[in-house]
């Protein structure tokens, strides 16, 4: 048997590993539900579901994603028919983004799947540990759950 290496005591390594698990489970369950979406694409769609007509840069801010690459995410969603983009009336350099009716249905259909897979990601934790983990992860990542 191998001896445990110190890397497994590093939060950064454990976060990376948990991210691998999370992404794998997400992609598997979303594909089983009949969709071809990444976690970032769905996060962008959820942001648009709550904030219709916002600009691409605002989507990046809401989902903590790079402003320089959010355009590619939105472009792929547009090609898939999930979003529409129009030039902003107030700033011709900006693009306002909305979910299409197909995009709204996708968010509605995927929400139960994504909620259920959270338990799968944290399957080794009991219910109280999951709640505590979520609160600690929000705090560590600077997310205010009250927002």
N, C-alpha and C. Protein backbone atom coordinates (compact mmCIF):
# COMPACT_ATOMS: atom_id res chain seq x y z
N UNK A 1 0.84 -1.19 0.00
CA UNK A 1 0.00 0.00 0.00
C UNK A 1 0.88 1.24 0.00
N UNK A 2 0.41 2.27 -0.61
CA UNK A 2 1.16 3.52 -0.68
C UNK A 2 0.93 4.38 0.56
N UNK A 3 1.93 5.16 0.87
CA UNK A 3 1.83 6.10 1.98
C UNK A 3 1.15 7.38 1.49
N UNK A 4 0.32 7.96 2.32
CA UNK A 4 -0.40 9.21 1.97
C UNK A 4 0.62 10.32 1.76
N UNK A 5 0.45 11.08 0.69
CA UNK A 5 1.35 12.20 0.42
C UNK A 5 0.75 13.48 0.99
N UNK A 6 1.62 14.43 1.29
CA UNK A 6 1.14 15.65 1.96
C UNK A 6 0.22 16.48 1.08
N UNK A 7 0.27 16.26 -0.23
CA UNK A 7 -0.62 16.99 -1.13
C UNK A 7 -2.08 16.88 -0.69
N UNK A 8 -2.44 15.73 -0.12
CA UNK A 8 -3.83 15.51 0.29
C UNK A 8 -4.22 16.28 1.54
N UNK A 9 -3.29 17.03 2.11
CA UNK A 9 -3.64 17.92 3.22
C UNK A 9 -3.75 19.37 2.74
N UNK A 10 -3.52 19.61 1.45
CA UNK A 10 -3.57 20.96 0.90
C UNK A 10 -4.98 21.27 0.40
N UNK A 11 -5.62 22.32 0.93
CA UNK A 11 -6.96 22.67 0.46
C UNK A 11 -7.03 22.87 -1.06
N UNK A 12 -6.01 23.49 -1.64
CA UNK A 12 -6.03 23.73 -3.08
C UNK A 12 -6.12 22.43 -3.88
N UNK A 13 -5.37 21.44 -3.48
CA UNK A 13 -5.41 20.15 -4.16
C UNK A 13 -6.79 19.50 -3.99
N UNK A 14 -7.31 19.55 -2.78
CA UNK A 14 -8.61 18.94 -2.52
C UNK A 14 -9.73 19.66 -3.28
N UNK A 15 -9.63 20.99 -3.38
CA UNK A 15 -10.62 21.76 -4.15
C UNK A 15 -10.54 21.37 -5.62
N UNK A 16 -9.32 21.23 -6.16
CA UNK A 16 -9.16 20.81 -7.55
C UNK A 16 -9.77 19.43 -7.77
N UNK A 17 -9.52 18.52 -6.86
CA UNK A 17 -10.06 17.16 -6.99
C UNK A 17 -11.59 17.16 -6.91
N UNK A 18 -12.12 17.93 -5.98
CA UNK A 18 -13.58 18.02 -5.86
C UNK A 18 -14.18 18.67 -7.11
N UNK A 19 -13.46 19.62 -7.70
CA UNK A 19 -13.93 20.23 -8.94
C UNK A 19 -13.98 19.18 -10.06
N UNK A 20 -12.98 18.31 -10.13
CA UNK A 20 -12.99 17.23 -11.12
C UNK A 20 -14.22 16.34 -10.94
N UNK A 21 -14.48 15.97 -9.71
CA UNK A 21 -15.63 15.12 -9.40
C UNK A 21 -16.92 15.84 -9.77
N UNK A 22 -17.03 17.09 -9.35
CA UNK A 22 -18.22 17.89 -9.61
C UNK A 22 -18.50 18.02 -11.11
N UNK A 23 -17.47 18.34 -11.87
CA UNK A 23 -17.64 18.51 -13.31
C UNK A 23 -18.03 17.20 -13.98
N UNK A 24 -17.41 16.11 -13.57
CA UNK A 24 -17.74 14.80 -14.14
C UNK A 24 -19.20 14.45 -13.88
N UNK A 25 -19.64 14.58 -12.65
CA UNK A 25 -21.02 14.24 -12.30
C UNK A 25 -21.99 15.17 -13.06
N UNK A 26 -21.68 16.46 -13.10
CA UNK A 26 -22.53 17.42 -13.80
C UNK A 26 -22.69 17.01 -15.27
N UNK A 27 -21.57 16.80 -15.95
CA UNK A 27 -21.61 16.49 -17.38
C UNK A 27 -22.38 15.18 -17.64
N UNK A 28 -22.16 14.19 -16.80
CA UNK A 28 -22.84 12.90 -16.94
C UNK A 28 -24.35 13.06 -16.78
N UNK A 29 -24.77 13.71 -15.71
CA UNK A 29 -26.21 13.83 -15.42
C UNK A 29 -26.92 14.76 -16.42
N UNK A 30 -26.26 15.81 -16.83
CA UNK A 30 -26.86 16.73 -17.80
C UNK A 30 -27.00 16.05 -19.15
N UNK A 31 -26.00 15.25 -19.52
CA UNK A 31 -26.08 14.50 -20.78
C UNK A 31 -27.21 13.47 -20.71
N UNK A 32 -27.34 12.79 -19.56
CA UNK A 32 -28.43 11.83 -19.38
C UNK A 32 -29.79 12.50 -19.49
N UNK A 33 -29.86 13.77 -19.11
CA UNK A 33 -31.11 14.53 -19.20
C UNK A 33 -31.37 15.03 -20.63
N UNK A 34 -30.41 14.77 -21.52
CA UNK A 34 -30.61 15.13 -22.92
C UNK A 34 -30.06 16.48 -23.34
N UNK A 35 -29.13 17.04 -22.55
CA UNK A 35 -28.59 18.35 -22.85
C UNK A 35 -27.07 18.29 -23.03
N UNK A 36 -26.57 19.22 -23.81
CA UNK A 36 -25.13 19.37 -24.03
C UNK A 36 -24.73 20.75 -23.52
N UNK A 37 -24.52 20.85 -22.23
CA UNK A 37 -24.17 22.12 -21.58
C UNK A 37 -23.05 21.89 -20.58
N UNK A 38 -22.18 22.88 -20.46
CA UNK A 38 -21.14 22.86 -19.44
C UNK A 38 -21.67 23.56 -18.18
N UNK A 39 -20.99 23.37 -17.04
CA UNK A 39 -21.41 24.09 -15.84
C UNK A 39 -21.41 25.61 -16.04
N UNK A 40 -20.43 26.15 -16.75
CA UNK A 40 -20.38 27.60 -16.98
C UNK A 40 -21.53 28.05 -17.86
N UNK A 41 -21.85 27.27 -18.89
CA UNK A 41 -22.97 27.64 -19.75
C UNK A 41 -24.28 27.67 -18.97
N UNK A 42 -24.49 26.66 -18.13
CA UNK A 42 -25.72 26.65 -17.33
C UNK A 42 -25.73 27.80 -16.34
N UNK A 43 -24.59 28.10 -15.73
CA UNK A 43 -24.54 29.24 -14.79
C UNK A 43 -24.91 30.53 -15.51
N UNK A 44 -24.42 30.71 -16.73
CA UNK A 44 -24.77 31.90 -17.50
C UNK A 44 -26.27 31.94 -17.79
N UNK A 45 -26.83 30.79 -18.12
CA UNK A 45 -28.27 30.72 -18.39
C UNK A 45 -29.08 31.00 -17.13
N UNK A 46 -28.62 30.51 -15.99
CA UNK A 46 -29.31 30.79 -14.74
C UNK A 46 -29.25 32.28 -14.40
N UNK A 47 -28.10 32.91 -14.67
CA UNK A 47 -27.97 34.35 -14.44
C UNK A 47 -28.95 35.11 -15.33
N UNK A 48 -29.10 34.68 -16.58
CA UNK A 48 -30.04 35.33 -17.49
C UNK A 48 -31.48 35.06 -17.11
N UNK A 49 -31.74 33.90 -16.56
CA UNK A 49 -33.10 33.58 -16.13
C UNK A 49 -33.56 34.54 -15.03
N UNK A 50 -32.63 34.89 -14.14
CA UNK A 50 -32.95 35.81 -13.04
C UNK A 50 -32.80 37.28 -13.44
N UNK A 51 -32.00 37.56 -14.48
CA UNK A 51 -31.68 38.94 -14.86
C UNK A 51 -31.77 39.10 -16.38
N UNK A 52 -32.97 39.02 -16.94
CA UNK A 52 -33.09 39.10 -18.40
C UNK A 52 -32.59 40.43 -18.95
N UNK A 53 -31.97 40.35 -20.13
CA UNK A 53 -31.55 41.56 -20.82
C UNK A 53 -30.27 42.20 -20.33
N UNK A 54 -29.52 41.50 -19.47
CA UNK A 54 -28.26 42.09 -18.98
C UNK A 54 -27.18 41.95 -20.04
N UNK A 55 -26.13 42.72 -19.86
CA UNK A 55 -25.02 42.69 -20.81
C UNK A 55 -24.08 41.53 -20.50
N UNK A 56 -23.33 41.13 -21.52
CA UNK A 56 -22.39 40.01 -21.35
C UNK A 56 -21.45 40.22 -20.18
N UNK A 57 -20.93 41.42 -20.02
CA UNK A 57 -19.99 41.70 -18.92
C UNK A 57 -20.66 41.48 -17.57
N UNK A 58 -21.94 41.80 -17.47
CA UNK A 58 -22.66 41.60 -16.21
C UNK A 58 -22.83 40.11 -15.91
N UNK A 59 -23.03 39.32 -16.96
CA UNK A 59 -23.13 37.87 -16.77
C UNK A 59 -21.82 37.35 -16.17
N UNK A 60 -20.70 37.79 -16.74
CA UNK A 60 -19.39 37.36 -16.25
C UNK A 60 -19.25 37.70 -14.77
N UNK A 61 -19.65 38.90 -14.39
CA UNK A 61 -19.56 39.31 -12.99
C UNK A 61 -20.43 38.42 -12.10
N UNK A 62 -21.66 38.16 -12.53
CA UNK A 62 -22.59 37.37 -11.72
C UNK A 62 -22.12 35.93 -11.50
N UNK A 63 -21.44 35.37 -12.48
CA UNK A 63 -21.02 33.97 -12.35
C UNK A 63 -19.53 33.83 -12.05
N UNK A 64 -18.88 34.96 -11.73
CA UNK A 64 -17.45 34.97 -11.40
C UNK A 64 -16.63 34.33 -12.51
N UNK A 65 -16.84 34.83 -13.72
CA UNK A 65 -16.14 34.30 -14.89
C UNK A 65 -15.38 35.42 -15.58
N UNK A 66 -14.38 35.06 -16.33
CA UNK A 66 -13.52 36.02 -17.01
C UNK A 66 -14.31 36.81 -18.06
N UNK A 67 -14.26 38.14 -17.97
CA UNK A 67 -14.98 39.00 -18.92
C UNK A 67 -14.47 38.83 -20.34
N UNK A 68 -13.20 38.53 -20.48
CA UNK A 68 -12.62 38.40 -21.82
C UNK A 68 -13.11 37.16 -22.57
N UNK A 69 -13.52 36.13 -21.84
CA UNK A 69 -13.93 34.88 -22.50
C UNK A 69 -15.43 34.59 -22.40
N UNK A 70 -16.18 35.44 -21.73
CA UNK A 70 -17.62 35.20 -21.62
C UNK A 70 -18.30 35.28 -22.99
N UNK A 71 -17.74 36.08 -23.89
CA UNK A 71 -18.31 36.19 -25.23
C UNK A 71 -18.38 34.85 -25.94
N UNK A 72 -17.33 34.03 -25.78
CA UNK A 72 -17.33 32.70 -26.39
C UNK A 72 -18.40 31.80 -25.80
N UNK A 73 -18.60 31.91 -24.49
CA UNK A 73 -19.64 31.12 -23.81
C UNK A 73 -21.01 31.51 -24.38
N UNK A 74 -21.25 32.81 -24.46
CA UNK A 74 -22.54 33.30 -24.95
C UNK A 74 -22.72 32.93 -26.42
N UNK A 75 -21.65 33.03 -27.19
CA UNK A 75 -21.72 32.67 -28.61
C UNK A 75 -22.12 31.21 -28.78
N UNK A 76 -21.54 30.32 -27.99
CA UNK A 76 -21.90 28.90 -28.07
C UNK A 76 -23.36 28.67 -27.66
N UNK A 77 -23.81 29.39 -26.64
CA UNK A 77 -25.21 29.27 -26.23
C UNK A 77 -26.16 29.79 -27.31
N UNK A 78 -25.74 30.84 -27.99
CA UNK A 78 -26.54 31.40 -29.08
C UNK A 78 -26.63 30.39 -30.23
N UNK A 79 -25.51 29.75 -30.56
CA UNK A 79 -25.51 28.74 -31.64
C UNK A 79 -26.40 27.56 -31.30
N UNK A 80 -26.48 27.23 -30.02
CA UNK A 80 -27.33 26.12 -29.58
C UNK A 80 -28.80 26.53 -29.48
N UNK A 81 -29.09 27.83 -29.65
CA UNK A 81 -30.47 28.31 -29.61
C UNK A 81 -30.98 28.66 -28.23
N UNK A 82 -30.09 28.73 -27.23
CA UNK A 82 -30.50 28.98 -25.86
C UNK A 82 -30.60 30.47 -25.51
N UNK A 83 -29.86 31.30 -26.22
CA UNK A 83 -29.88 32.74 -25.92
C UNK A 83 -29.97 33.55 -27.21
N UNK A 84 -30.38 34.80 -27.04
CA UNK A 84 -30.36 35.77 -28.13
C UNK A 84 -29.55 36.98 -27.65
N UNK A 85 -28.87 37.63 -28.60
CA UNK A 85 -28.09 38.83 -28.29
C UNK A 85 -28.53 39.95 -29.22
N UNK A 86 -28.63 41.15 -28.65
CA UNK A 86 -28.90 42.33 -29.45
C UNK A 86 -27.99 43.45 -28.97
N UNK A 87 -27.73 44.39 -29.87
CA UNK A 87 -26.91 45.55 -29.50
C UNK A 87 -27.72 46.38 -28.51
N UNK A 88 -27.06 46.82 -27.44
CA UNK A 88 -27.70 47.63 -26.41
C UNK A 88 -28.13 48.98 -26.99
N UNK A 89 -29.31 49.41 -26.64
CA UNK A 89 -29.80 50.72 -27.08
C UNK A 89 -29.07 51.86 -26.37
N UNK A 90 -28.58 51.58 -25.16
CA UNK A 90 -27.90 52.62 -24.39
C UNK A 90 -26.40 52.68 -24.65
N UNK A 91 -25.81 51.57 -25.13
CA UNK A 91 -24.37 51.53 -25.39
C UNK A 91 -24.14 50.59 -26.57
N UNK A 92 -23.90 51.15 -27.74
CA UNK A 92 -23.79 50.36 -28.97
C UNK A 92 -22.62 49.36 -28.94
N UNK A 93 -21.69 49.53 -28.00
CA UNK A 93 -20.58 48.58 -27.88
C UNK A 93 -20.97 47.34 -27.09
N UNK A 94 -22.07 47.43 -26.36
CA UNK A 94 -22.50 46.33 -25.47
C UNK A 94 -23.57 45.47 -26.14
N UNK A 95 -23.65 44.25 -25.69
CA UNK A 95 -24.66 43.30 -26.17
C UNK A 95 -25.56 42.90 -25.01
N UNK A 96 -26.86 43.08 -25.19
CA UNK A 96 -27.82 42.61 -24.20
C UNK A 96 -28.18 41.17 -24.55
N UNK A 97 -28.26 40.35 -23.53
CA UNK A 97 -28.47 38.92 -23.74
C UNK A 97 -29.74 38.49 -23.02
N UNK A 98 -30.50 37.64 -23.68
CA UNK A 98 -31.72 37.07 -23.11
C UNK A 98 -31.77 35.58 -23.39
N UNK A 99 -32.44 34.86 -22.51
CA UNK A 99 -32.73 33.46 -22.80
C UNK A 99 -33.80 33.40 -23.88
N UNK A 100 -33.67 32.46 -24.77
CA UNK A 100 -34.74 32.18 -25.72
C UNK A 100 -35.78 31.33 -24.99
N UNK A 101 -36.90 31.07 -25.63
CA UNK A 101 -37.89 30.19 -24.99
C UNK A 101 -37.30 28.79 -24.80
N UNK A 102 -36.46 28.35 -25.73
CA UNK A 102 -35.78 27.05 -25.59
C UNK A 102 -34.83 27.09 -24.38
N UNK A 103 -34.14 28.19 -24.20
CA UNK A 103 -33.24 28.34 -23.07
C UNK A 103 -33.96 28.34 -21.74
N UNK A 104 -35.11 29.03 -21.69
CA UNK A 104 -35.90 29.04 -20.45
C UNK A 104 -36.38 27.64 -20.10
N UNK A 105 -36.85 26.91 -21.11
CA UNK A 105 -37.30 25.52 -20.86
C UNK A 105 -36.14 24.64 -20.39
N UNK A 106 -34.96 24.84 -20.98
CA UNK A 106 -33.79 24.05 -20.58
C UNK A 106 -33.45 24.30 -19.11
N UNK A 107 -33.45 25.56 -18.69
CA UNK A 107 -33.16 25.88 -17.29
C UNK A 107 -34.21 25.24 -16.39
N UNK A 108 -35.48 25.35 -16.76
CA UNK A 108 -36.55 24.75 -15.95
C UNK A 108 -36.39 23.23 -15.86
N UNK A 109 -36.07 22.60 -16.98
CA UNK A 109 -35.94 21.14 -16.99
C UNK A 109 -34.69 20.67 -16.25
N UNK A 110 -33.62 21.43 -16.33
CA UNK A 110 -32.35 21.00 -15.72
C UNK A 110 -32.24 21.33 -14.23
N UNK A 111 -33.00 22.28 -13.75
CA UNK A 111 -32.87 22.68 -12.34
C UNK A 111 -33.03 21.50 -11.39
N UNK A 112 -34.06 20.65 -11.52
CA UNK A 112 -34.15 19.51 -10.60
C UNK A 112 -32.96 18.55 -10.73
N UNK A 113 -32.47 18.35 -11.93
CA UNK A 113 -31.32 17.47 -12.15
C UNK A 113 -30.08 18.01 -11.45
N UNK A 114 -29.85 19.31 -11.62
CA UNK A 114 -28.66 19.94 -11.04
C UNK A 114 -28.78 19.97 -9.51
N UNK A 115 -29.96 20.21 -9.00
CA UNK A 115 -30.15 20.18 -7.54
C UNK A 115 -29.88 18.78 -7.00
N UNK A 116 -30.35 17.76 -7.70
CA UNK A 116 -30.16 16.37 -7.24
C UNK A 116 -28.70 15.95 -7.31
N UNK A 117 -27.98 16.39 -8.31
CA UNK A 117 -26.59 15.94 -8.44
C UNK A 117 -25.68 16.55 -7.37
N UNK A 118 -26.13 17.60 -6.70
CA UNK A 118 -25.32 18.16 -5.61
C UNK A 118 -25.11 17.13 -4.51
N UNK A 119 -26.15 16.36 -4.22
CA UNK A 119 -26.02 15.30 -3.21
C UNK A 119 -25.06 14.21 -3.68
N UNK A 120 -25.05 13.94 -4.97
CA UNK A 120 -24.14 12.94 -5.52
C UNK A 120 -22.69 13.41 -5.40
N UNK A 121 -22.46 14.69 -5.64
CA UNK A 121 -21.11 15.25 -5.54
C UNK A 121 -20.58 15.13 -4.11
N UNK A 122 -21.46 15.37 -3.15
CA UNK A 122 -21.07 15.34 -1.74
C UNK A 122 -21.57 14.09 -1.03
N UNK A 123 -21.64 12.99 -1.76
CA UNK A 123 -22.23 11.75 -1.24
C UNK A 123 -21.56 11.22 0.01
N UNK A 124 -20.29 11.54 0.21
CA UNK A 124 -19.58 11.02 1.39
C UNK A 124 -19.84 11.86 2.65
N UNK A 125 -20.59 12.94 2.49
CA UNK A 125 -20.93 13.79 3.64
C UNK A 125 -22.38 13.57 4.02
N UNK A 126 -22.68 13.63 5.32
CA UNK A 126 -24.08 13.56 5.74
C UNK A 126 -24.74 14.92 5.52
N UNK A 127 -26.01 15.01 5.78
CA UNK A 127 -26.77 16.23 5.48
C UNK A 127 -26.21 17.45 6.21
N UNK A 128 -25.89 17.31 7.48
CA UNK A 128 -25.34 18.43 8.24
C UNK A 128 -23.97 18.84 7.70
N UNK A 129 -23.14 17.86 7.35
CA UNK A 129 -21.83 18.17 6.78
C UNK A 129 -21.95 18.87 5.43
N UNK A 130 -22.94 18.47 4.64
CA UNK A 130 -23.15 19.12 3.34
C UNK A 130 -23.51 20.59 3.53
N UNK A 131 -24.40 20.85 4.48
CA UNK A 131 -24.80 22.23 4.75
C UNK A 131 -23.60 23.05 5.25
N UNK A 132 -22.83 22.46 6.16
CA UNK A 132 -21.65 23.15 6.69
C UNK A 132 -20.62 23.38 5.58
N UNK A 133 -20.40 22.37 4.74
CA UNK A 133 -19.46 22.50 3.63
C UNK A 133 -19.87 23.64 2.71
N UNK A 134 -21.15 23.69 2.36
CA UNK A 134 -21.64 24.73 1.46
C UNK A 134 -21.42 26.11 2.06
N UNK A 135 -21.72 26.28 3.34
CA UNK A 135 -21.49 27.57 3.99
C UNK A 135 -20.01 27.94 4.00
N UNK A 136 -19.15 26.97 4.31
CA UNK A 136 -17.72 27.25 4.34
C UNK A 136 -17.18 27.55 2.93
N UNK A 137 -17.67 26.84 1.92
CA UNK A 137 -17.22 27.09 0.55
C UNK A 137 -17.68 28.47 0.09
N UNK A 138 -18.90 28.87 0.47
CA UNK A 138 -19.37 30.22 0.13
C UNK A 138 -18.49 31.27 0.79
N UNK A 139 -18.17 31.06 2.05
CA UNK A 139 -17.33 32.01 2.77
C UNK A 139 -15.94 32.06 2.17
N UNK A 140 -15.33 30.91 1.92
CA UNK A 140 -13.98 30.87 1.38
C UNK A 140 -13.89 31.50 -0.02
N UNK A 141 -14.97 31.38 -0.81
CA UNK A 141 -14.95 31.92 -2.17
C UNK A 141 -15.50 33.34 -2.25
N UNK A 142 -15.90 33.91 -1.11
CA UNK A 142 -16.36 35.29 -1.10
C UNK A 142 -17.80 35.47 -1.56
N UNK A 143 -18.57 34.41 -1.57
CA UNK A 143 -19.96 34.49 -1.98
C UNK A 143 -20.81 34.79 -0.76
N UNK A 144 -21.63 35.81 -0.87
CA UNK A 144 -22.57 36.12 0.20
C UNK A 144 -23.92 35.51 -0.18
N UNK A 145 -24.31 34.45 0.50
CA UNK A 145 -25.53 33.73 0.17
C UNK A 145 -26.78 34.60 0.30
N UNK A 146 -26.67 35.72 0.96
CA UNK A 146 -27.83 36.60 1.13
C UNK A 146 -28.08 37.46 -0.11
N UNK A 147 -27.06 37.55 -0.98
CA UNK A 147 -27.21 38.38 -2.20
C UNK A 147 -28.19 37.76 -3.17
